[in-house]
N, C-alpha and C. Protein backbone atom coordinates (compact mmCIF):
# COMPACT_ATOMS: atom_id res chain seq x y z
N MET A 1 12.15 11.02 21.45
CA MET A 1 11.15 11.17 20.46
C MET A 1 10.12 11.95 20.91
N SER A 2 9.49 12.83 19.70
CA SER A 2 8.62 13.98 20.10
C SER A 2 7.03 13.18 20.04
N ALA A 3 5.98 13.78 20.80
CA ALA A 3 4.92 13.55 20.78
C ALA A 3 4.25 13.22 19.28
N ASN A 4 4.73 14.58 17.97
CA ASN A 4 4.18 14.63 16.97
C ASN A 4 4.90 13.44 16.06
N THR A 5 6.41 12.77 16.79
CA THR A 5 6.60 11.74 15.87
C THR A 5 6.39 10.68 16.12
N LEU A 6 5.85 10.62 17.48
CA LEU A 6 5.07 9.08 17.76
C LEU A 6 3.60 9.35 17.46
N PHE A 7 2.85 10.10 17.31
CA PHE A 7 1.51 10.37 16.54
C PHE A 7 2.00 9.94 14.76
N LEU A 8 2.57 10.26 14.48
CA LEU A 8 3.06 9.94 12.90
C LEU A 8 3.34 8.64 12.74
N SER A 9 4.18 8.25 13.65
CA SER A 9 4.95 6.85 13.55
C SER A 9 3.82 5.72 14.10
N SER A 10 2.82 5.96 14.79
CA SER A 10 1.77 4.80 15.35
C SER A 10 0.63 5.02 14.40
N LEU A 11 0.43 6.40 14.02
CA LEU A 11 -0.79 6.42 13.03
C LEU A 11 0.12 5.44 11.23
N MET A 12 0.97 5.51 11.04
CA MET A 12 1.86 4.67 10.05
C MET A 12 1.73 3.10 10.41
N LEU A 13 1.96 2.75 11.61
CA LEU A 13 1.74 1.38 12.32
C LEU A 13 0.18 0.93 11.66
N ILE A 14 -0.46 1.93 12.05
CA ILE A 14 -1.88 1.47 12.37
C ILE A 14 -2.55 1.51 10.83
N ALA A 15 -1.87 2.32 9.57
CA ALA A 15 -2.09 1.71 8.39
C ALA A 15 -1.29 0.95 7.81
N GLY A 16 -0.25 0.14 8.11
CA GLY A 16 0.04 -0.87 7.74
C GLY A 16 -0.26 -2.00 8.37
N MET A 17 -0.92 -1.64 9.25
CA MET A 17 -1.71 -2.97 9.45
C MET A 17 -3.23 -2.81 8.89
N GLY A 18 -3.53 -1.99 8.87
CA GLY A 18 -4.82 -1.96 7.74
C GLY A 18 -4.80 -2.79 6.61
N ILE A 19 -3.34 -2.76 5.59
CA ILE A 19 -3.10 -3.60 4.44
C ILE A 19 -3.70 -4.56 4.60
N PRO A 20 -3.33 -5.49 5.55
CA PRO A 20 -3.69 -7.15 4.84
C PRO A 20 -5.39 -6.88 5.21
N VAL A 21 -5.66 -6.14 6.06
CA VAL A 21 -6.87 -6.35 6.57
C VAL A 21 -8.02 -5.63 5.27
N MET A 22 -7.62 -4.80 4.65
CA MET A 22 -8.25 -4.58 3.55
C MET A 22 -8.25 -5.08 2.13
N ALA A 23 -6.96 -6.04 2.37
CA ALA A 23 -6.86 -6.64 1.11
C ALA A 23 -7.30 -7.99 1.37
N ALA A 24 -7.60 -8.44 3.12
CA ALA A 24 -8.30 -9.71 2.93
C ALA A 24 -10.15 -9.52 3.14
N LEU A 25 -10.58 -8.25 3.18
CA LEU A 25 -12.27 -7.87 3.28
C LEU A 25 -12.27 -7.68 1.83
N ASN A 26 -11.31 -7.16 0.40
CA ASN A 26 -11.68 -6.83 -0.43
C ASN A 26 -11.67 -8.11 -1.24
N THR A 27 -10.86 -9.00 -0.97
CA THR A 27 -10.77 -10.30 -1.72
C THR A 27 -12.28 -11.01 -1.05
N GLY A 28 -12.52 -11.10 0.03
CA GLY A 28 -13.94 -11.61 0.10
C GLY A 28 -15.15 -10.98 -0.59
N LEU A 29 -14.84 -9.62 -0.93
CA LEU A 29 -15.91 -8.89 -1.20
C LEU A 29 -15.98 -9.43 -2.96
N SER A 30 -14.62 -9.60 -3.90
CA SER A 30 -14.32 -10.43 -4.56
C SER A 30 -14.61 -11.33 -5.03
N GLN A 31 -14.64 -12.23 -4.08
CA GLN A 31 -15.36 -13.35 -4.17
C GLN A 31 -17.00 -13.16 -4.08
N HIS A 32 -17.53 -12.79 -3.15
CA HIS A 32 -19.07 -12.69 -3.13
C HIS A 32 -19.51 -11.87 -4.35
N LEU A 33 -18.94 -10.74 -5.03
CA LEU A 33 -19.36 -10.01 -6.26
C LEU A 33 -18.74 -11.44 -7.46
N GLN A 34 -17.83 -12.35 -7.42
CA GLN A 34 -17.45 -13.02 -8.78
C GLN A 34 -16.71 -11.94 -9.55
N SER A 35 -16.17 -10.97 -9.13
CA SER A 35 -15.40 -10.31 -9.93
C SER A 35 -14.13 -9.38 -9.03
N PRO A 36 -13.00 -9.68 -8.98
CA PRO A 36 -12.11 -8.79 -8.90
C PRO A 36 -12.08 -7.52 -8.81
N MET A 37 -12.51 -7.09 -10.49
CA MET A 37 -12.60 -5.66 -10.66
C MET A 37 -13.78 -4.91 -10.26
N GLY A 38 -14.61 -6.01 -10.11
CA GLY A 38 -15.69 -5.13 -9.44
C GLY A 38 -15.81 -4.80 -7.88
N ALA A 39 -14.61 -5.61 -7.16
CA ALA A 39 -14.93 -5.26 -5.85
C ALA A 39 -13.46 -3.64 -6.12
N VAL A 40 -13.01 -3.94 -6.85
CA VAL A 40 -11.72 -2.68 -7.08
C VAL A 40 -12.79 -1.58 -7.21
N LEU A 41 -14.09 -1.62 -7.61
CA LEU A 41 -15.02 -0.77 -8.16
C LEU A 41 -15.40 -0.04 -6.92
N VAL A 42 -16.07 -0.98 -6.85
CA VAL A 42 -16.68 -0.97 -4.98
C VAL A 42 -15.76 -0.50 -4.20
N LEU A 43 -15.04 -0.94 -3.66
CA LEU A 43 -13.41 -0.08 -2.78
C LEU A 43 -13.48 1.23 -3.01
N THR A 44 -12.95 1.46 -4.23
CA THR A 44 -12.40 2.65 -4.69
C THR A 44 -13.92 3.89 -4.77
N LEU A 45 -15.06 3.26 -4.72
CA LEU A 45 -16.45 4.48 -4.80
C LEU A 45 -16.49 4.55 -3.15
N VAL A 46 -16.21 3.46 -2.08
CA VAL A 46 -16.24 3.73 -0.68
C VAL A 46 -15.18 5.01 -0.49
N ALA A 47 -13.92 4.31 -1.20
CA ALA A 47 -13.25 5.41 -0.94
C ALA A 47 -13.18 6.87 -0.87
N MET A 48 -13.93 6.91 -2.76
CA MET A 48 -14.05 8.20 -2.69
C MET A 48 -15.04 8.95 -1.82
N ILE A 49 -16.08 8.49 -1.73
CA ILE A 49 -16.91 8.55 -0.56
C ILE A 49 -16.54 9.17 0.57
N ILE A 50 -15.68 8.49 1.46
CA ILE A 50 -14.89 9.07 2.51
C ILE A 50 -14.03 10.04 2.16
N ALA A 51 -13.40 10.06 1.17
CA ALA A 51 -12.52 11.30 0.81
C ALA A 51 -13.47 12.76 0.37
N VAL A 52 -14.24 12.83 -0.31
CA VAL A 52 -15.35 13.71 -0.44
C VAL A 52 -15.72 14.22 0.80
N LEU A 53 -16.06 13.26 1.79
CA LEU A 53 -16.14 13.42 3.64
C LEU A 53 -15.19 14.36 4.34
N GLY A 54 -13.76 13.59 4.18
CA GLY A 54 -13.03 14.27 4.45
C GLY A 54 -12.55 15.57 4.16
N LEU A 55 -12.84 15.87 2.66
CA LEU A 55 -12.48 17.46 2.32
C LEU A 55 -13.60 18.08 2.86
N THR A 56 -14.75 17.62 2.74
CA THR A 56 -15.98 18.91 3.21
C THR A 56 -15.33 19.19 4.85
N ILE A 57 -14.79 18.33 5.31
CA ILE A 57 -14.58 18.85 7.10
C ILE A 57 -13.51 19.64 6.76
N SER A 58 -12.43 19.36 6.23
CA SER A 58 -11.32 19.94 6.17
C SER A 58 -10.60 21.27 5.22
N GLY A 59 -12.03 21.24 4.78
CA GLY A 59 -12.00 22.65 3.64
C GLY A 59 -11.46 22.30 2.27
N GLY A 60 -11.19 21.25 1.85
CA GLY A 60 -10.88 20.97 0.28
C GLY A 60 -9.46 21.70 0.14
N PRO A 61 -9.29 21.40 -1.14
CA PRO A 61 -8.26 21.37 -1.92
C PRO A 61 -8.06 22.47 -2.69
N ASN A 62 -7.37 23.11 -3.21
CA ASN A 62 -6.84 24.08 -4.06
C ASN A 62 -6.78 23.66 -5.62
N LEU A 63 -8.24 24.07 -5.70
CA LEU A 63 -8.65 23.45 -7.14
C LEU A 63 -8.31 24.26 -8.29
N THR A 64 -7.86 25.34 -8.32
CA THR A 64 -7.15 26.05 -9.74
C THR A 64 -5.45 25.53 -9.44
N ALA A 65 -4.97 24.80 -8.47
CA ALA A 65 -3.48 24.25 -8.45
C ALA A 65 -3.87 22.91 -9.47
N ILE A 66 -4.44 22.11 -9.74
CA ILE A 66 -4.79 20.99 -11.03
C ILE A 66 -4.43 21.42 -11.79
N GLY A 67 -4.66 22.11 -12.74
CA GLY A 67 -4.28 22.93 -14.02
C GLY A 67 -2.88 23.05 -13.91
N THR A 68 -2.03 23.24 -12.55
CA THR A 68 -0.77 23.27 -13.13
C THR A 68 0.43 21.96 -12.80
N THR A 69 -0.61 20.95 -11.87
CA THR A 69 0.46 20.03 -10.98
C THR A 69 0.56 19.06 -12.46
N PRO A 70 1.96 19.32 -12.13
CA PRO A 70 2.91 17.97 -13.15
C PRO A 70 1.73 16.61 -12.93
N PRO A 71 1.68 16.01 -14.23
CA PRO A 71 1.16 14.80 -14.85
C PRO A 71 1.36 13.66 -13.74
N ILE A 72 2.78 13.47 -13.59
CA ILE A 72 3.23 12.43 -13.32
C ILE A 72 2.34 12.03 -11.95
N TYR A 73 2.09 13.34 -11.25
CA TYR A 73 1.01 13.07 -9.85
C TYR A 73 -0.29 12.18 -9.73
N PHE A 74 -0.54 12.05 -11.10
CA PHE A 74 -1.63 11.89 -11.23
C PHE A 74 -1.80 10.09 -11.17
N PHE A 75 -0.47 9.59 -11.76
CA PHE A 75 -0.29 8.32 -11.99
C PHE A 75 -0.16 7.95 -10.50
N ALA A 76 -0.31 8.47 -9.94
CA ALA A 76 -0.49 7.64 -7.89
C ALA A 76 -1.89 6.86 -8.11
N GLY A 77 -2.96 7.29 -9.38
CA GLY A 77 -4.47 6.93 -8.88
C GLY A 77 -4.36 5.61 -9.81
N ALA A 78 -3.12 5.31 -10.91
CA ALA A 78 -3.60 4.47 -11.24
C ALA A 78 -2.79 3.65 -10.39
N LEU A 79 -1.55 3.56 -9.64
CA LEU A 79 -0.80 2.86 -8.83
C LEU A 79 -1.72 2.05 -7.64
N PHE A 80 -2.91 3.09 -7.45
CA PHE A 80 -3.69 2.94 -6.39
C PHE A 80 -4.72 1.56 -7.01
N VAL A 81 -4.96 1.59 -7.94
CA VAL A 81 -5.76 0.62 -8.79
C VAL A 81 -5.05 -0.84 -9.33
N LEU A 82 -3.82 -0.77 -9.52
CA LEU A 82 -2.98 -1.61 -9.65
C LEU A 82 -2.75 -2.37 -8.38
N TYR A 83 -2.58 -1.51 -7.31
CA TYR A 83 -2.14 -2.46 -5.87
C TYR A 83 -3.82 -3.19 -5.79
N ILE A 84 -4.52 -2.59 -5.72
CA ILE A 84 -5.94 -3.13 -5.23
C ILE A 84 -6.32 -3.79 -5.76
N GLY A 85 -6.09 -4.08 -7.29
CA GLY A 85 -6.65 -4.94 -8.35
C GLY A 85 -5.87 -6.09 -8.17
N SER A 86 -4.49 -6.17 -7.59
CA SER A 86 -3.48 -7.36 -8.02
C SER A 86 -3.57 -8.01 -6.85
N ILE A 87 -3.97 -7.70 -5.52
CA ILE A 87 -3.62 -8.36 -4.29
C ILE A 87 -5.06 -8.70 -4.09
N THR A 88 -6.36 -8.08 -4.41
CA THR A 88 -7.60 -8.58 -4.67
C THR A 88 -7.97 -9.91 -5.18
N PHE A 89 -6.81 -9.94 -6.92
CA PHE A 89 -6.96 -11.07 -7.62
C PHE A 89 -5.80 -11.98 -7.01
N ALA A 90 -4.67 -11.63 -6.64
CA ALA A 90 -3.69 -13.05 -6.39
C ALA A 90 -3.58 -13.10 -4.65
N ALA A 91 -4.07 -12.66 -3.79
CA ALA A 91 -4.29 -13.27 -2.65
C ALA A 91 -5.25 -14.70 -2.44
N PRO A 92 -6.41 -14.78 -3.46
CA PRO A 92 -6.78 -16.19 -3.06
C PRO A 92 -6.18 -17.31 -3.72
N LYS A 93 -5.08 -16.94 -4.51
CA LYS A 93 -4.59 -18.05 -5.24
C LYS A 93 -3.22 -18.08 -4.61
N ILE A 94 -2.74 -17.25 -3.94
CA ILE A 94 -1.01 -17.52 -3.00
C ILE A 94 -1.36 -17.47 -1.92
N GLY A 95 -2.56 -16.61 -1.38
CA GLY A 95 -2.37 -16.39 0.10
C GLY A 95 -2.66 -15.09 0.63
N LEU A 96 -2.98 -14.86 0.96
CA LEU A 96 -2.63 -13.45 1.71
C LEU A 96 -1.64 -12.93 2.61
N GLY A 97 -0.85 -13.91 3.13
CA GLY A 97 0.39 -13.42 3.70
C GLY A 97 1.82 -13.49 2.71
N THR A 98 1.49 -14.54 1.75
CA THR A 98 2.42 -14.46 0.44
C THR A 98 2.07 -13.41 -0.36
N ALA A 99 0.87 -12.93 -0.73
CA ALA A 99 0.71 -11.42 -1.45
C ALA A 99 1.41 -10.79 -0.75
N VAL A 100 0.71 -10.24 0.40
CA VAL A 100 1.75 -8.94 1.34
C VAL A 100 3.27 -9.18 1.81
N PHE A 101 4.14 -10.51 1.53
CA PHE A 101 5.16 -10.31 1.57
C PHE A 101 5.65 -10.04 0.29
N TYR A 102 5.26 -10.26 -0.66
CA TYR A 102 5.67 -9.72 -1.76
C TYR A 102 5.58 -7.78 -2.17
N VAL A 103 4.23 -7.45 -1.32
CA VAL A 103 3.75 -6.21 -1.70
C VAL A 103 4.77 -5.21 -0.63
N LEU A 104 5.18 -5.77 0.89
CA LEU A 104 6.38 -5.61 1.34
C LEU A 104 7.74 -5.05 1.06
N LEU A 105 7.76 -6.31 0.44
CA LEU A 105 9.51 -6.43 -0.49
C LEU A 105 9.24 -5.31 -1.65
N GLY A 106 8.49 -5.12 -2.27
CA GLY A 106 8.34 -3.90 -3.27
C GLY A 106 8.17 -2.73 -2.56
N GLN A 107 7.63 -2.80 -1.17
CA GLN A 107 7.44 -1.38 -0.54
C GLN A 107 9.22 -1.05 -0.17
N LEU A 108 9.90 -2.25 0.00
CA LEU A 108 11.44 -1.62 0.80
C LEU A 108 12.20 -1.72 -0.20
N ILE A 109 12.18 -2.01 -1.38
CA ILE A 109 13.01 -1.91 -2.95
C ILE A 109 12.71 -0.35 -3.52
N SER A 110 11.16 0.06 -3.64
CA SER A 110 11.13 1.15 -4.39
C SER A 110 11.45 2.60 -3.07
N ALA A 111 10.63 2.28 -1.54
CA ALA A 111 10.80 3.43 -0.77
C ALA A 111 12.43 3.73 -1.07
N SER A 112 13.35 2.43 -0.88
CA SER A 112 14.75 2.67 -0.97
C SER A 112 15.42 3.45 -2.08
N ILE A 113 14.70 3.30 -2.96
CA ILE A 113 15.53 3.96 -4.31
C ILE A 113 14.75 5.64 -4.31
N ILE A 114 13.12 5.66 -3.78
CA ILE A 114 12.81 6.88 -3.90
C ILE A 114 13.54 7.93 -3.06
N ASP A 115 14.22 7.51 -1.63
CA ASP A 115 14.47 7.99 -1.07
C ASP A 115 16.18 8.33 -0.73
N HIS A 116 16.91 7.14 -1.18
CA HIS A 116 17.98 7.64 -2.22
C HIS A 116 18.41 8.79 -2.92
N PHE A 117 17.15 8.58 -3.84
CA PHE A 117 17.39 9.83 -4.77
C PHE A 117 16.61 10.86 -4.65
N GLY A 118 15.92 10.96 -3.78
CA GLY A 118 14.97 12.04 -3.23
C GLY A 118 13.49 12.66 -4.38
N LEU A 119 13.01 11.47 -4.93
CA LEU A 119 12.20 11.22 -6.01
C LEU A 119 10.83 12.10 -5.49
N TRP A 120 10.32 12.99 -6.37
CA TRP A 120 9.21 13.67 -6.35
C TRP A 120 9.37 14.56 -5.30
N GLY A 121 10.35 15.27 -4.57
CA GLY A 121 10.52 15.77 -3.58
C GLY A 121 10.29 15.16 -2.35
N SER A 122 10.70 13.85 -2.31
CA SER A 122 10.70 13.16 -0.83
C SER A 122 12.25 13.69 -0.12
N GLN A 123 12.34 13.15 0.99
CA GLN A 123 13.44 13.66 2.01
C GLN A 123 14.77 12.43 1.27
N ILE A 124 15.93 13.42 1.31
CA ILE A 124 17.22 12.24 0.87
C ILE A 124 17.56 11.68 2.12
N SER A 125 17.90 9.88 1.51
CA SER A 125 18.38 9.32 2.75
C SER A 125 19.02 8.29 2.12
N ILE A 126 20.44 8.94 1.68
CA ILE A 126 20.99 7.96 0.96
C ILE A 126 21.41 6.22 1.64
N ILE A 127 21.64 5.35 0.43
CA ILE A 127 21.53 3.85 1.27
C ILE A 127 23.12 3.74 1.03
N THR A 128 23.13 3.85 2.46
CA THR A 128 24.61 3.33 3.04
C THR A 128 24.30 2.31 3.23
N PRO A 129 25.69 1.42 3.29
CA PRO A 129 26.18 -0.05 3.66
C PRO A 129 24.87 -0.77 4.78
N LYS A 130 25.25 0.19 5.58
CA LYS A 130 24.43 -0.03 6.95
C LYS A 130 22.95 -0.23 6.67
N ARG A 131 22.65 0.83 5.59
CA ARG A 131 21.55 1.19 5.28
C ARG A 131 20.86 -0.03 4.56
N LEU A 132 21.65 -0.64 3.87
CA LEU A 132 21.60 -1.70 2.93
C LEU A 132 21.51 -3.21 3.44
N LEU A 133 22.41 -3.23 4.81
CA LEU A 133 22.20 -4.26 5.33
C LEU A 133 21.06 -4.31 5.91
N GLY A 134 20.70 -3.76 6.79
CA GLY A 134 19.27 -3.30 7.87
C GLY A 134 18.51 -3.88 6.88
N LEU A 135 17.75 -3.00 5.33
CA LEU A 135 17.02 -3.60 4.28
C LEU A 135 17.34 -4.82 4.13
N ALA A 136 18.01 -5.22 3.69
CA ALA A 136 18.63 -6.63 3.86
C ALA A 136 18.01 -7.96 4.85
N PHE A 137 18.17 -7.53 5.87
CA PHE A 137 17.72 -8.16 7.17
C PHE A 137 16.14 -8.27 7.30
N MET A 138 15.57 -6.68 6.85
CA MET A 138 13.87 -7.10 6.72
C MET A 138 13.60 -7.74 5.61
N ALA A 139 13.91 -7.40 4.41
CA ALA A 139 13.52 -8.62 3.68
C ALA A 139 13.84 -9.96 4.12
N LEU A 140 14.89 -10.35 4.66
CA LEU A 140 15.13 -12.25 5.11
C LEU A 140 14.10 -12.29 5.56
N GLY A 141 13.99 -11.59 6.88
CA GLY A 141 12.83 -11.62 7.76
C GLY A 141 11.16 -11.61 7.47
N VAL A 142 11.00 -11.15 6.48
CA VAL A 142 9.65 -10.81 5.85
C VAL A 142 9.53 -12.14 5.10
N TYR A 143 10.71 -12.51 4.49
CA TYR A 143 11.10 -14.26 3.87
C TYR A 143 11.07 -15.17 4.66
N LEU A 144 11.53 -15.24 5.49
CA LEU A 144 11.49 -16.24 6.79
C LEU A 144 10.51 -16.58 7.33
N ALA A 145 9.26 -15.46 7.75
CA ALA A 145 8.05 -15.22 8.26
C ALA A 145 7.17 -15.98 7.03
N ARG A 146 7.61 -16.11 5.68
CA ARG A 146 6.63 -16.87 4.52
C ARG A 146 7.03 -18.04 4.37
N LYS A 147 8.39 -18.74 4.63
CA LYS A 147 9.09 -19.52 3.88
C LYS A 147 8.57 -20.94 3.87
N ASP A 148 7.78 -21.34 4.89
CA ASP A 148 7.83 -22.77 5.22
C ASP A 148 5.65 -22.32 5.03
N VAL A 149 5.18 -21.85 4.57
CA VAL A 149 3.79 -21.99 4.88
C VAL A 149 2.90 -22.84 3.94
N ILE A 150 2.42 -23.72 4.20
CA ILE A 150 1.23 -24.43 3.87
C ILE A 150 0.86 -23.90 2.33
N PRO A 151 0.49 -24.47 1.36
CA PRO A 151 -0.10 -23.64 -0.12
C PRO A 151 -1.55 -23.69 0.54
N PRO A 152 -2.19 -22.30 0.38
CA PRO A 152 -3.30 -22.24 0.76
C PRO A 152 -4.77 -23.01 -0.08
N VAL A 153 -5.68 -23.49 0.93
CA VAL A 153 -6.34 -24.25 0.38
C VAL A 153 -7.53 -23.23 -0.05
N PRO A 154 -8.11 -23.83 -1.37
CA PRO A 154 -9.06 -22.71 -2.14
C PRO A 154 -10.46 -22.93 -1.25
N HIS A 155 -10.66 -21.46 -0.98
CA HIS A 155 -12.63 -21.91 -0.54
C HIS A 155 -13.54 -22.29 -0.99
N PRO A 156 -14.48 -22.94 -1.24
CA PRO A 156 -15.99 -23.22 -2.05
C PRO A 156 -16.13 -21.95 -3.06
């Protein structure tokens, strides 16, 4: 494994570990504000500030390309709000682990379809029987990790 691949793999592992932390923190913010969408707004504003700082440091995007960008790419913003809003709303009701289980299952399914067809310029990785079996084992493993979890006790 090259140093670059190791770095990128580690980066994605850390990012993946951050998703449940982000969900738990935003759920807490939602309960504190008494508004899931209020928490989504605050989280999005903080993310925007950090993105602006990152752009300032890195030199920024080619703004002239925005006008020629296919509109489908802007749909990612709606998916961002869907994810943040849905996990902020659902986690207190079904438990963070269960909510993340369904997120992981959804990611396995959609990533496999995107890779199989090379959608939106992604690298093609055909779903072979061996790969399908691996995905099934991953899904089963995530399911078994959550199967007998005691229903969450609501916080006061």
